C-alpha atoms as a PDB file:
ATOM      1  CA  UNK A   1     -12.919  16.936  74.990  1.00  0.00           C
ATOM      2  CA  UNK A   2     -14.033  18.589  78.143  1.00  0.00           C
ATOM      3  CA  UNK A   3     -16.262  16.662  80.600  1.00  0.00           C
ATOM      4  CA  UNK A   4     -19.291  17.871  82.554  1.00  0.00           C
ATOM      5  CA  UNK A   5     -21.380  16.554  85.305  1.00  0.00           C
ATOM      6  CA  UNK A   6     -24.498  14.742  84.261  1.00  0.00           C
ATOM      7  CA  UNK A   7     -27.068  17.071  85.909  1.00  0.00           C
ATOM      8  CA  UNK A   8     -26.442  17.068  89.744  1.00  0.00           C
ATOM      9  CA  UNK A   9     -24.760  13.678  89.636  1.00  0.00           C
ATOM     10  CA  UNK A  10     -21.249  12.925  90.064  1.00  0.00           C
ATOM     11  CA  UNK A  11     -21.005  11.184  86.770  1.00  0.00           C
ATOM     12  CA  UNK A  12     -18.689  12.887  84.229  1.00  0.00           C
ATOM     13  CA  UNK A  13     -19.636  12.777  80.597  1.00  0.00           C
ATOM     14  CA  UNK A  14     -18.183  14.254  77.404  1.00  0.00           C
ATOM     15  CA  UNK A  15     -19.597  17.588  76.644  1.00  0.00           C
ATOM     16  CA  UNK A  16     -20.469  16.065  73.207  1.00  0.00           C
ATOM     17  CA  UNK A  17     -22.536  12.902  73.258  1.00  0.00           C
ATOM     18  CA  UNK A  18     -22.736  10.531  70.313  1.00  0.00           C
ATOM     19  CA  UNK A  19     -26.322   9.886  69.261  1.00  0.00           C
ATOM     20  CA  UNK A  20     -26.859   6.439  67.763  1.00  0.00           C
ATOM     21  CA  UNK A  21     -30.216   7.129  65.986  1.00  0.00           C
ATOM     22  CA  UNK A  22     -28.779   6.688  62.528  1.00  0.00           C
ATOM     23  CA  UNK A  23     -26.794   3.601  63.275  1.00  0.00           C
ATOM     24  CA  UNK A  24     -28.202   0.618  61.322  1.00  0.00           C
ATOM     25  CA  UNK A  25     -31.331   2.496  60.197  1.00  0.00           C
ATOM     26  CA  UNK A  26     -32.366   1.353  56.704  1.00  0.00           C
ATOM     27  CA  UNK A  27     -34.423   4.426  55.804  1.00  0.00           C
ATOM     28  CA  UNK A  28     -32.226   7.409  56.641  1.00  0.00           C
ATOM     29  CA  UNK A  29     -29.206   5.993  58.564  1.00  0.00           C
ATOM     30  CA  UNK A  30     -25.913   4.223  57.808  1.00  0.00           C
ATOM     31  CA  UNK A  31     -24.824   0.506  57.749  1.00  0.00           C
ATOM     32  CA  UNK A  32     -22.933  -1.229  60.496  1.00  0.00           C
ATOM     33  CA  UNK A  33     -19.473  -0.786  59.037  1.00  0.00           C
ATOM     34  CA  UNK A  34     -19.771   3.030  58.821  1.00  0.00           C
ATOM     35  CA  UNK A  35     -21.432   3.172  62.171  1.00  0.00           C
ATOM     36  CA  UNK A  36     -18.616   1.289  63.757  1.00  0.00           C
ATOM     37  CA  UNK A  37     -16.112   3.678  62.152  1.00  0.00           C
ATOM     38  CA  UNK A  38     -17.949   6.729  63.570  1.00  0.00           C
ATOM     39  CA  UNK A  39     -18.153   5.295  67.045  1.00  0.00           C
ATOM     40  CA  UNK A  40     -14.505   4.472  66.944  1.00  0.00           C
ATOM     41  CA  UNK A  41     -13.600   7.968  65.852  1.00  0.00           C
ATOM     42  CA  UNK A  42     -15.705   9.421  68.679  1.00  0.00           C
ATOM     43  CA  UNK A  43     -14.100   7.294  71.313  1.00  0.00           C
ATOM     44  CA  UNK A  44     -10.607   7.983  69.941  1.00  0.00           C
ATOM     45  CA  UNK A  45     -11.331  11.687  70.175  1.00  0.00           C
ATOM     46  CA  UNK A  46     -11.910  11.383  73.873  1.00  0.00           C
ATOM     47  CA  UNK A  47     -15.725  11.091  73.836  1.00  0.00           C
ATOM     48  CA  UNK A  48     -17.221   8.667  76.421  1.00  0.00           C
ATOM     49  CA  UNK A  49     -21.023   9.249  76.094  1.00  0.00           C
ATOM     50  CA  UNK A  50     -23.233   7.310  73.649  1.00  0.00           C
ATOM     51  CA  UNK A  51     -27.023   7.711  73.444  1.00  0.00           C
ATOM     52  CA  UNK A  52     -29.315   5.171  71.908  1.00  0.00           C
ATOM     53  CA  UNK A  53     -32.802   3.700  72.307  1.00  0.00           C
ATOM     54  CA  UNK A  54     -34.620   0.424  71.722  1.00  0.00           C
ATOM     55  CA  UNK A  55     -36.667   2.067  69.002  1.00  0.00           C
ATOM     56  CA  UNK A  56     -33.694   2.967  66.919  1.00  0.00           C
ATOM     57  CA  UNK A  57     -33.622   0.852  63.879  1.00  0.00           C
ATOM     58  CA  UNK A  58     -35.679  -1.836  65.677  1.00  0.00           C
ATOM     59  CA  UNK A  59     -32.925  -2.445  68.194  1.00  0.00           C
ATOM     60  CA  UNK A  60     -30.125  -2.606  65.578  1.00  0.00           C
ATOM     61  CA  UNK A  61     -28.598   0.620  66.939  1.00  0.00           C
ATOM     62  CA  UNK A  62     -28.104  -0.939  70.403  1.00  0.00           C
ATOM     63  CA  UNK A  63     -26.543  -4.083  68.901  1.00  0.00           C
ATOM     64  CA  UNK A  64     -24.049  -1.984  66.893  1.00  0.00           C
ATOM     65  CA  UNK A  65     -23.089   0.059  70.081  1.00  0.00           C
ATOM     66  CA  UNK A  66     -22.531  -3.236  71.960  1.00  0.00           C
ATOM     67  CA  UNK A  67     -20.092  -4.448  69.216  1.00  0.00           C
ATOM     68  CA  UNK A  68     -18.297  -1.006  69.169  1.00  0.00           C
ATOM     69  CA  UNK A  69     -17.666  -0.742  72.847  1.00  0.00           C
ATOM     70  CA  UNK A  70     -16.789  -4.491  73.508  1.00  0.00           C
ATOM     71  CA  UNK A  71     -13.753  -4.674  75.716  1.00  0.00           C
ATOM     72  CA  UNK A  72     -14.058  -1.112  76.907  1.00  0.00           C
ATOM     73  CA  UNK A  73     -17.543  -1.088  78.516  1.00  0.00           C
ATOM     74  CA  UNK A  74     -16.335   0.460  81.765  1.00  0.00           C
ATOM     75  CA  UNK A  75     -14.844   3.483  79.818  1.00  0.00           C
ATOM     76  CA  UNK A  76     -18.094   4.291  78.058  1.00  0.00           C
ATOM     77  CA  UNK A  77     -21.244   5.818  79.590  1.00  0.00           C
ATOM     78  CA  UNK A  78     -24.191   4.211  77.747  1.00  0.00           C
ATOM     79  CA  UNK A  79     -27.682   5.769  77.752  1.00  0.00           C
ATOM     80  CA  UNK A  80     -30.668   4.123  76.170  1.00  0.00           C
ATOM     81  CA  UNK A  81     -34.493   4.866  76.207  1.00  0.00           C
ATOM     82  CA  UNK A  82     -37.760   3.020  76.401  1.00  0.00           C
ATOM     83  CA  UNK A  83     -41.390   3.769  75.641  1.00  0.00           C
ATOM     84  CA  UNK A  84     -41.937   3.425  71.781  1.00  0.00           C
ATOM     85  CA  UNK A  85     -42.617   0.067  70.282  1.00  0.00           C
ATOM     86  CA  UNK A  86     -39.653  -1.852  68.737  1.00  0.00           C
ATOM     87  CA  UNK A  87     -40.798  -2.073  65.083  1.00  0.00           C
ATOM     88  CA  UNK A  88     -38.863  -2.411  61.775  1.00  0.00           C
ATOM     89  CA  UNK A  89     -39.920   1.122  60.747  1.00  0.00           C
ATOM     90  CA  UNK A  90     -40.358   3.838  63.458  1.00  0.00           C
ATOM     91  CA  UNK A  91     -43.817   4.798  63.628  1.00  0.00           C
ATOM     92  CA  UNK A  92     -45.468   1.493  62.872  1.00  0.00           C
ATOM     93  CA  UNK A  93     -48.035   0.209  65.154  1.00  0.00           C
ATOM     94  CA  UNK A  94     -46.874  -2.097  68.132  1.00  0.00           C
ATOM     95  CA  UNK A  95     -47.068  -5.850  67.946  1.00  0.00           C
ATOM     96  CA  UNK A  96     -49.696  -5.802  70.706  1.00  0.00           C
ATOM     97  CA  UNK A  97     -51.387  -3.277  72.909  1.00  0.00           C
ATOM     98  CA  UNK A  98     -48.857  -3.623  75.799  1.00  0.00           C
ATOM     99  CA  UNK A  99     -45.748  -3.322  73.555  1.00  0.00           C
ATOM    100  CA  UNK A 100     -45.633   0.418  74.002  1.00  0.00           C
ATOM    101  CA  UNK A 101     -45.769   3.041  76.725  1.00  0.00           C
ATOM    102  CA  UNK A 102     -44.210   3.671  80.066  1.00  0.00           C
ATOM    103  CA  UNK A 103     -46.015   1.221  82.152  1.00  0.00           C
ATOM    104  CA  UNK A 104     -44.129  -1.004  84.616  1.00  0.00           C
ATOM    105  CA  UNK A 105     -44.632  -4.076  82.473  1.00  0.00           C
ATOM    106  CA  UNK A 106     -43.483  -2.579  79.137  1.00  0.00           C
ATOM    107  CA  UNK A 107     -40.511  -0.623  80.632  1.00  0.00           C
ATOM    108  CA  UNK A 108     -39.332  -3.738  82.514  1.00  0.00           C
ATOM    109  CA  UNK A 109     -39.372  -5.799  79.388  1.00  0.00           C
ATOM    110  CA  UNK A 110     -37.943  -3.017  77.306  1.00  0.00           C
ATOM    111  CA  UNK A 111     -34.992  -2.433  79.609  1.00  0.00           C
ATOM    112  CA  UNK A 112     -34.198  -6.095  79.893  1.00  0.00           C
ATOM    113  CA  UNK A 113     -34.277  -6.530  76.120  1.00  0.00           C
ATOM    114  CA  UNK A 114     -32.046  -3.398  75.712  1.00  0.00           C
ATOM    115  CA  UNK A 115     -29.441  -4.730  78.176  1.00  0.00           C
ATOM    116  CA  UNK A 116     -29.311  -8.099  76.137  1.00  0.00           C
ATOM    117  CA  UNK A 117     -28.722  -6.256  72.954  1.00  0.00           C
ATOM    118  CA  UNK A 118     -26.159  -3.935  74.558  1.00  0.00           C
ATOM    119  CA  UNK A 119     -24.477  -6.987  76.006  1.00  0.00           C
ATOM    120  CA  UNK A 120     -24.225  -5.326  79.428  1.00  0.00           C
ATOM    121  CA  UNK A 121     -25.643  -5.920  82.851  1.00  0.00           C
ATOM    122  CA  UNK A 122     -26.697  -2.178  83.238  1.00  0.00           C
ATOM    123  CA  UNK A 123     -27.295   1.031  81.548  1.00  0.00           C
ATOM    124  CA  UNK A 124     -25.559   4.185  82.967  1.00  0.00           C
ATOM    125  CA  UNK A 125     -28.660   6.237  82.107  1.00  0.00           C
ATOM    126  CA  UNK A 126     -32.152   4.909  81.352  1.00  0.00           C
ATOM    127  CA  UNK A 127     -34.606   7.467  79.983  1.00  0.00           C
ATOM    128  CA  UNK A 128     -38.366   7.536  79.392  1.00  0.00           C
ATOM    129  CA  UNK A 129     -38.552   8.415  75.704  1.00  0.00           C
ATOM    130  CA  UNK A 130     -41.712  10.537  75.920  1.00  0.00           C
ATOM    131  CA  UNK A 131     -44.534  11.368  78.394  1.00  0.00           C
ATOM    132  CA  UNK A 132     -47.173   8.588  78.529  1.00  0.00           C
ATOM    133  CA  UNK A 133     -50.691  10.066  79.198  1.00  0.00           C
ATOM    134  CA  UNK A 134     -52.041   6.517  79.352  1.00  0.00           C
ATOM    135  CA  UNK A 135     -49.879   5.440  82.386  1.00  0.00           C
ATOM    136  CA  UNK A 136     -49.924   7.165  85.781  1.00  0.00           C
ATOM    137  CA  UNK A 137     -46.556   8.891  86.337  1.00  0.00           C
ATOM    138  CA  UNK A 138     -46.400   7.266  89.799  1.00  0.00           C
ATOM    139  CA  UNK A 139     -46.191   3.873  88.169  1.00  0.00           C
ATOM    140  CA  UNK A 140     -43.480   4.914  85.812  1.00  0.00           C
ATOM    141  CA  UNK A 141     -41.382   6.642  88.546  1.00  0.00           C
ATOM    142  CA  UNK A 142     -41.686   3.719  90.901  1.00  0.00           C
ATOM    143  CA  UNK A 143     -40.612   1.141  88.244  1.00  0.00           C
ATOM    144  CA  UNK A 144     -37.539   3.415  87.364  1.00  0.00           C
ATOM    145  CA  UNK A 145     -36.698   3.598  91.043  1.00  0.00           C
ATOM    146  CA  UNK A 146     -36.820  -0.267  91.136  1.00  0.00           C
ATOM    147  CA  UNK A 147     -34.507  -0.449  88.178  1.00  0.00           C
ATOM    148  CA  UNK A 148     -31.908   1.631  89.978  1.00  0.00           C
ATOM    149  CA  UNK A 149     -32.201  -0.526  93.185  1.00  0.00           C
ATOM    150  CA  UNK A 150     -31.834  -3.651  91.083  1.00  0.00           C
ATOM    151  CA  UNK A 151     -28.754  -2.482  89.553  1.00  0.00           C
ATOM    152  CA  UNK A 152     -30.201  -2.355  86.018  1.00  0.00           C
ATOM    153  CA  UNK A 153     -29.415   1.348  85.546  1.00  0.00           C
ATOM    154  CA  UNK A 154     -27.304   3.822  87.487  1.00  0.00           C
ATOM    155  CA  UNK A 155     -29.310   6.902  86.727  1.00  0.00           C
ATOM    156  CA  UNK A 156     -32.737   7.761  85.107  1.00  0.00           C
ATOM    157  CA  UNK A 157     -33.726  10.575  82.816  1.00  0.00           C
ATOM    158  CA  UNK A 158     -36.634  11.898  80.781  1.00  0.00           C
ATOM    159  CA  UNK A 159     -37.076  12.844  77.161  1.00  0.00           C
ATOM    160  CA  UNK A 160     -39.795  15.023  75.438  1.00  0.00           C
ATOM    161  CA  UNK A 161     -41.769  16.163  78.558  1.00  0.00           C
ATOM    162  CA  UNK A 162     -43.393  19.442  79.135  1.00  0.00           C
ATOM    163  CA  UNK A 163     -42.430  21.775  81.942  1.00  0.00           C
ATOM    164  CA  UNK A 164     -45.385  20.848  84.172  1.00  0.00           C
ATOM    165  CA  UNK A 165     -44.769  17.145  83.609  1.00  0.00           C
ATOM    166  CA  UNK A 166     -41.068  17.451  84.641  1.00  0.00           C
ATOM    167  CA  UNK A 167     -42.119  19.579  87.808  1.00  0.00           C
ATOM    168  CA  UNK A 168     -44.722  17.017  88.898  1.00  0.00           C
ATOM    169  CA  UNK A 169     -42.246  14.094  88.332  1.00  0.00           C
ATOM    170  CA  UNK A 170     -39.587  15.814  90.392  1.00  0.00           C
ATOM    171  CA  UNK A 171     -41.997  16.615  93.240  1.00  0.00           C
ATOM    172  CA  UNK A 172     -43.464  13.096  93.381  1.00  0.00           C
ATOM    173  CA  UNK A 173     -39.978  11.546  93.377  1.00  0.00           C
ATOM    174  CA  UNK A 174     -39.026  13.751  96.331  1.00  0.00           C
ATOM    175  CA  UNK A 175     -42.284  12.942  98.143  1.00  0.00           C
ATOM    176  CA  UNK A 176     -41.828   9.208  97.825  1.00  0.00           C
ATOM    177  CA  UNK A 177     -38.046   8.968  97.975  1.00  0.00           C
ATOM    178  CA  UNK A 178     -37.780   7.649  94.472  1.00  0.00           C
ATOM    179  CA  UNK A 179     -34.755   8.113  92.321  1.00  0.00           C
ATOM    180  CA  UNK A 180     -35.086  11.571  90.634  1.00  0.00           C
ATOM    181  CA  UNK A 181     -34.516  12.340  86.918  1.00  0.00           C
ATOM    182  CA  UNK A 182     -31.058  13.768  86.418  1.00  0.00           C
ATOM    183  CA  UNK A 183     -31.370  14.654  82.789  1.00  0.00           C
ATOM    184  CA  UNK A 184     -33.907  16.023  80.359  1.00  0.00           C
ATOM    185  CA  UNK A 185     -33.326  15.027  76.631  1.00  0.00           C
ATOM    186  CA  UNK A 186     -35.035  17.812  74.548  1.00  0.00           C
ATOM    187  CA  UNK A 187     -34.904  19.296  71.147  1.00  0.00           C
ATOM    188  CA  UNK A 188     -32.943  22.477  71.294  1.00  0.00           C
ATOM    189  CA  UNK A 189     -30.953  24.520  68.843  1.00  0.00           C
ATOM    190  CA  UNK A 190     -30.681  28.067  67.350  1.00  0.00           C
ATOM    191  CA  UNK A 191     -33.903  27.410  65.440  1.00  0.00           C
ATOM    192  CA  UNK A 192     -35.738  25.699  68.290  1.00  0.00           C
ATOM    193  CA  UNK A 193     -35.337  27.693  71.492  1.00  0.00           C
ATOM    194  CA  UNK A 194     -38.977  27.316  72.785  1.00  0.00           C
ATOM    195  CA  UNK A 195     -37.920  25.368  75.969  1.00  0.00           C
ATOM    196  CA  UNK A 196     -35.996  28.365  77.359  1.00  0.00           C
ATOM    197  CA  UNK A 197     -39.257  29.803  78.600  1.00  0.00           C
ATOM    198  CA  UNK A 198     -40.492  26.866  80.693  1.00  0.00           C
ATOM    199  CA  UNK A 199     -38.601  23.616  80.410  1.00  0.00           C
ATOM    200  CA  UNK A 200     -35.126  25.084  80.982  1.00  0.00           C
ATOM    201  CA  UNK A 201     -36.196  27.047  84.166  1.00  0.00           C
ATOM    202  CA  UNK A 202     -37.763  23.947  85.848  1.00  0.00           C
ATOM    203  CA  UNK A 203     -34.716  21.917  84.945  1.00  0.00           C
ATOM    204  CA  UNK A 204     -32.387  24.494  86.478  1.00  0.00           C
ATOM    205  CA  UNK A 205     -34.550  24.725  89.590  1.00  0.00           C
ATOM    206  CA  UNK A 206     -34.333  21.002  90.142  1.00  0.00           C
ATOM    207  CA  UNK A 207     -30.730  20.446  88.974  1.00  0.00           C
ATOM    208  CA  UNK A 208     -31.798  18.449  85.900  1.00  0.00           C
ATOM    209  CA  UNK A 209     -29.071  18.571  83.213  1.00  0.00           C
ATOM    210  CA  UNK A 210     -30.154  19.281  79.737  1.00  0.00           C
ATOM    211  CA  UNK A 211     -29.170  16.859  76.757  1.00  0.00           C
ATOM    212  CA  UNK A 212     -30.102  18.752  73.698  1.00  0.00           C
ATOM    213  CA  UNK A 213     -30.964  16.670  70.520  1.00  0.00           C
ATOM    214  CA  UNK A 214     -30.963  17.888  67.030  1.00  0.00           C
ATOM    215  CA  UNK A 215     -28.486  20.852  67.687  1.00  0.00           C
ATOM    216  CA  UNK A 216     -28.365  21.404  64.005  1.00  0.00           C
ATOM    217  CA  UNK A 217     -32.119  21.910  63.613  1.00  0.00           C
ATOM    218  CA  UNK A 218     -32.743  18.859  61.635  1.00  0.00           C
ATOM    219  CA  UNK A 219     -29.903  19.787  59.354  1.00  0.00           C
ATOM    220  CA  UNK A 220     -31.013  23.235  58.529  1.00  0.00           C
ATOM    221  CA  UNK A 221     -28.142  24.808  60.425  1.00  0.00           C
ATOM    222  CA  UNK A 222     -25.493  22.946  58.299  1.00  0.00           C
ATOM    223  CA  UNK A 223     -26.445  25.385  55.485  1.00  0.00           C
ATOM    224  CA  UNK A 224     -27.357  22.510  53.139  1.00  0.00           C
ATOM    225  CA  UNK A 225     -30.723  24.079  52.360  1.00  0.00           C
ATOM    226  CA  UNK A 226     -31.200  27.116  50.136  1.00  0.00           C
ATOM    227  CA  UNK A 227     -33.074  30.221  51.438  1.00  0.00           C
ATOM    228  CA  UNK A 228     -36.667  29.796  50.240  1.00  0.00           C
ATOM    229  CA  UNK A 229     -36.550  26.024  50.028  1.00  0.00           C
ATOM    230  CA  UNK A 230     -40.075  24.672  50.034  1.00  0.00           C
ATOM    231  CA  UNK A 231     -39.507  20.907  50.118  1.00  0.00           C
ATOM    232  CA  UNK A 232     -37.894  18.716  52.648  1.00  0.00           C
ATOM    233  CA  UNK A 233     -35.939  16.452  50.407  1.00  0.00           C
ATOM    234  CA  UNK A 234     -34.655  14.137  53.022  1.00  0.00           C
ATOM    235  CA  UNK A 235     -37.819  13.739  55.155  1.00  0.00           C
ATOM    236  CA  UNK A 236     -37.135  11.117  57.767  1.00  0.00           C
ATOM    237  CA  UNK A 237     -40.671   9.985  58.403  1.00  0.00           C
ATOM    238  CA  UNK A 238     -41.826   9.043  54.906  1.00  0.00           C
ATOM    239  CA  UNK A 239     -44.165   6.373  56.352  1.00  0.00           C
ATOM    240  CA  UNK A 240     -46.599   9.178  57.169  1.00  0.00           C
ATOM    241  CA  UNK A 241     -49.207   9.132  54.309  1.00  0.00           C
ATOM    242  CA  UNK A 242     -50.190  12.694  54.961  1.00  0.00           C
ATOM    243  CA  UNK A 243     -48.186  15.959  54.360  1.00  0.00           C
ATOM    244  CA  UNK A 244     -49.268  17.371  57.684  1.00  0.00           C
ATOM    245  CA  UNK A 245     -46.017  16.405  59.572  1.00  0.00           C
ATOM    246  CA  UNK A 246     -43.974  17.764  56.706  1.00  0.00           C
ATOM    247  CA  UNK A 247     -45.964  21.018  56.634  1.00  0.00           C
ATOM    248  CA  UNK A 248     -45.394  21.544  60.429  1.00  0.00           C
ATOM    249  CA  UNK A 249     -41.614  20.735  59.944  1.00  0.00           C
ATOM    250  CA  UNK A 250     -41.352  23.371  57.144  1.00  0.00           C
ATOM    251  CA  UNK A 251     -43.169  26.015  59.177  1.00  0.00           C
ATOM    252  CA  UNK A 252     -40.745  25.597  61.988  1.00  0.00           C
ATOM    253  CA  UNK A 253     -37.473  25.265  60.188  1.00  0.00           C
ATOM    254  CA  UNK A 254     -38.021  26.796  56.677  1.00  0.00           C
ATOM    255  CA  UNK A 255     -38.863  30.391  57.537  1.00  0.00           C
ATOM    256  CA  UNK A 256     -37.192  33.863  57.277  1.00  0.00           C
ATOM    257  CA  UNK A 257     -35.823  33.694  60.777  1.00  0.00           C
ATOM    258  CA  UNK A 258     -34.184  30.387  60.191  1.00  0.00           C
ATOM    259  CA  UNK A 259     -32.530  31.701  56.879  1.00  0.00           C
ATOM    260  CA  UNK A 260     -31.287  34.705  58.729  1.00  0.00           C
ATOM    261  CA  UNK A 261     -29.694  32.515  61.432  1.00  0.00           C
ATOM    262  CA  UNK A 262     -28.058  30.353  58.694  1.00  0.00           C
ATOM    263  CA  UNK A 263     -26.644  33.502  57.062  1.00  0.00           C
ATOM    264  CA  UNK A 264     -25.245  34.669  60.365  1.00  0.00           C
ATOM    265  CA  UNK A 265     -23.796  31.134  61.034  1.00  0.00           C
ATOM    266  CA  UNK A 266     -21.906  31.391  57.655  1.00  0.00           C
ATOM    267  CA  UNK A 267     -20.534  34.771  58.673  1.00  0.00           C
ATOM    268  CA  UNK A 268     -19.363  33.705  62.032  1.00  0.00           C
ATOM    269  CA  UNK A 269     -17.893  30.477  60.479  1.00  0.00           C
ATOM    270  CA  UNK A 270     -15.748  32.684  58.263  1.00  0.00           C
ATOM    271  CA  UNK A 271     -14.670  34.787  61.181  1.00  0.00           C
ATOM    272  CA  UNK A 272     -13.676  31.733  63.167  1.00  0.00           C
ATOM    273  CA  UNK A 273     -12.326  29.727  60.209  1.00  0.00           C
ATOM    274  CA  UNK A 274     -14.788  26.935  60.914  1.00  0.00           C
ATOM    275  CA  UNK A 275     -18.057  25.718  59.595  1.00  0.00           C
ATOM    276  CA  UNK A 276     -21.790  26.657  60.241  1.00  0.00           C
ATOM    277  CA  UNK A 277     -22.154  23.116  61.774  1.00  0.00           C
ATOM    278  CA  UNK A 278     -19.340  23.691  64.239  1.00  0.00           C
ATOM    279  CA  UNK A 279     -20.633  27.101  65.219  1.00  0.00           C
ATOM    280  CA  UNK A 280     -24.225  26.000  65.754  1.00  0.00           C
ATOM    281  CA  UNK A 281     -23.019  23.214  68.117  1.00  0.00           C
ATOM    282  CA  UNK A 282     -20.538  25.504  69.983  1.00  0.00           C
ATOM    283  CA  UNK A 283     -23.448  27.863  70.594  1.00  0.00           C
ATOM    284  CA  UNK A 284     -25.485  25.103  72.250  1.00  0.00           C
ATOM    285  CA  UNK A 285     -22.423  24.348  74.402  1.00  0.00           C
ATOM    286  CA  UNK A 286     -22.285  27.993  75.646  1.00  0.00           C
ATOM    287  CA  UNK A 287     -25.647  27.459  77.371  1.00  0.00           C
ATOM    288  CA  UNK A 288     -24.974  27.051  81.155  1.00  0.00           C
ATOM    289  CA  UNK A 289     -27.728  24.442  81.702  1.00  0.00           C
ATOM    290  CA  UNK A 290     -26.337  21.963  79.109  1.00  0.00           C
ATOM    291  CA  UNK A 291     -24.719  18.802  80.398  1.00  0.00           C
ATOM    292  CA  UNK A 292     -23.945  17.359  76.963  1.00  0.00           C
ATOM    293  CA  UNK A 293     -25.099  17.993  73.382  1.00  0.00           C
ATOM    294  CA  UNK A 294     -26.122  15.040  71.300  1.00  0.00           C
ATOM    295  CA  UNK A 295     -24.820  14.862  67.781  1.00  0.00           C
ATOM    296  CA  UNK A 296     -25.826  12.525  65.058  1.00  0.00           C
ATOM    297  CA  UNK A 297     -23.129  12.151  62.385  1.00  0.00           C
ATOM    298  CA  UNK A 298     -23.459   9.556  59.730  1.00  0.00           C
ATOM    299  CA  UNK A 299     -19.814   9.684  58.463  1.00  0.00           C
ATOM    300  CA  UNK A 300     -16.316  10.234  59.826  1.00  0.00           C
ATOM    301  CA  UNK A 301     -16.265  13.645  58.036  1.00  0.00           C
ATOM    302  CA  UNK A 302     -19.438  14.803  59.729  1.00  0.00           C
ATOM    303  CA  UNK A 303     -18.090  13.493  63.025  1.00  0.00           C
ATOM    304  CA  UNK A 304     -15.015  15.690  62.609  1.00  0.00           C
ATOM    305  CA  UNK A 305     -17.062  18.856  61.929  1.00  0.00           C
ATOM    306  CA  UNK A 306     -19.258  18.085  64.951  1.00  0.00           C
ATOM    307  CA  UNK A 307     -16.407  17.313  67.310  1.00  0.00           C
ATOM    308  CA  UNK A 308     -14.553  20.503  66.272  1.00  0.00           C
ATOM    309  CA  UNK A 309     -17.149  22.403  68.341  1.00  0.00           C
ATOM    310  CA  UNK A 310     -15.373  21.199  71.497  1.00  0.00           C
ATOM    311  CA  UNK A 311     -12.251  23.151  70.369  1.00  0.00           C
ATOM    312  CA  UNK A 312     -13.993  26.203  69.128  1.00  0.00           C
ATOM    313  CA  UNK A 313     -14.053  29.512  71.034  1.00  0.00           C
ATOM    314  CA  UNK A 314     -16.764  32.015  70.422  1.00  0.00           C
ATOM    315  CA  UNK A 315     -16.452  35.591  71.574  1.00  0.00           C
ATOM    316  CA  UNK A 316     -19.145  37.056  73.728  1.00  0.00           C
ATOM    317  CA  UNK A 317     -20.014  39.453  70.828  1.00  0.00           C
ATOM    318  CA  UNK A 318     -20.501  36.462  68.446  1.00  0.00           C
ATOM    319  CA  UNK A 319     -22.694  34.673  71.065  1.00  0.00           C
ATOM    320  CA  UNK A 320     -24.640  37.801  71.576  1.00  0.00           C
ATOM    321  CA  UNK A 321     -25.325  38.219  67.785  1.00  0.00           C
ATOM    322  CA  UNK A 322     -26.476  34.516  67.568  1.00  0.00           C
ATOM    323  CA  UNK A 323     -28.660  34.963  70.691  1.00  0.00           C
ATOM    324  CA  UNK A 324     -30.353  38.097  69.278  1.00  0.00           C
ATOM    325  CA  UNK A 325     -31.061  36.741  65.826  1.00  0.00           C
ATOM    326  CA  UNK A 326     -32.467  33.532  67.106  1.00  0.00           C
ATOM    327  CA  UNK A 327     -34.470  34.872  70.058  1.00  0.00           C
ATOM    328  CA  UNK A 328     -38.066  33.632  70.509  1.00  0.00           C
ATOM    329  CA  UNK A 329     -40.349  36.147  72.290  1.00  0.00           C
ATOM    330  CA  UNK A 330     -41.924  34.656  75.435  1.00  0.00           C
ATOM    331  CA  UNK A 331     -45.536  33.790  75.398  1.00  0.00           C
ATOM    332  CA  UNK A 332     -48.130  34.514  78.071  1.00  0.00           C
ATOM    333  CA  UNK A 333     -47.825  34.004  81.073  1.00  0.00           C
ATOM    334  CA  UNK A 334     -44.044  34.075  80.752  1.00  0.00           C
ATOM    335  CA  UNK A 335     -44.032  37.433  78.930  1.00  0.00           C
ATOM    336  CA  UNK A 336     -46.051  39.034  81.780  1.00  0.00           C
ATOM    337  CA  UNK A 337     -43.909  37.354  84.468  1.00  0.00           C
ATOM    338  CA  UNK A 338     -40.683  38.698  82.851  1.00  0.00           C
ATOM    339  CA  UNK A 339     -42.032  42.196  82.710  1.00  0.00           C
ATOM    340  CA  UNK A 340     -43.010  41.965  86.390  1.00  0.00           C
ATOM    341  CA  UNK A 341     -39.780  40.355  87.617  1.00  0.00           C
ATOM    342  CA  UNK A 342     -38.379  41.537  90.826  1.00  0.00           C
ATOM    343  CA  UNK A 343     -35.116  39.595  90.444  1.00  0.00           C
ATOM    344  CA  UNK A 344     -31.991  41.711  90.337  1.00  0.00           C
END
């Protein structure tokens, strides 16, 4: 596996990162034994980068990661996240009003608890899981800076921020001399390219490396769904009593463009003697702004198909075909800015 710099930092990570969201999750994940097999297979394949969070399986994911890397902690780059409440089922209300968010109080407790579950003195990368509009960003950034100086984390990152939120955070960090975000963990795939119009440019401008999650478009790009599918048979968030979230999901991923993309993935997979899964992940890896792509296999077989992307080569013509069929037209004002661009 090739290694890339984590943003502008000097830290080298595998270009494929093992996402631990499924590990120990009773609703849609896998048990400890299978999780340990997947982690072992990833490390044996040359991977060195594992991403988890305190909210994953109520902290069970972090405990499994700790068990898997015992005896080789120094060889593994561990990333975790804080913001959401740690509850048995993701989406349940917090135990109390301060058990959620990106305040100094909550993040301090969350990080210390994560380190105990991970059985380590430090995280290599600590990420704010989502923007918190109830906490001043200055408070969050100052707390993260303290974590670095206290040795509790080596680097800090963000996840699920909008472009203006990333820009403001970077400028405030520069103004106050705080530790800057080195990474942005965002949803990105052939069926979800919206961030290319705003988030990606601001990250490139400030040297923030992208860590794409869900490179398989919530499973759609594996080809497991049939064209015209109307239901989401493996919905992850079944705790939501309404159908609104599912309707939004279907609108984004079950549409004519998505089916056309899947058809082309199958064609390119035949051309390269691989699979739609492998081709979809390889396409993400061709983007110059990506530091590492986060995969989420549940079995050793899925892991192999994901890791095969590190060995696959796509021709420029194949990449161009995938680019064209998955293109998302820019919105205003990006569309007007592009038309008036003076860049050569």
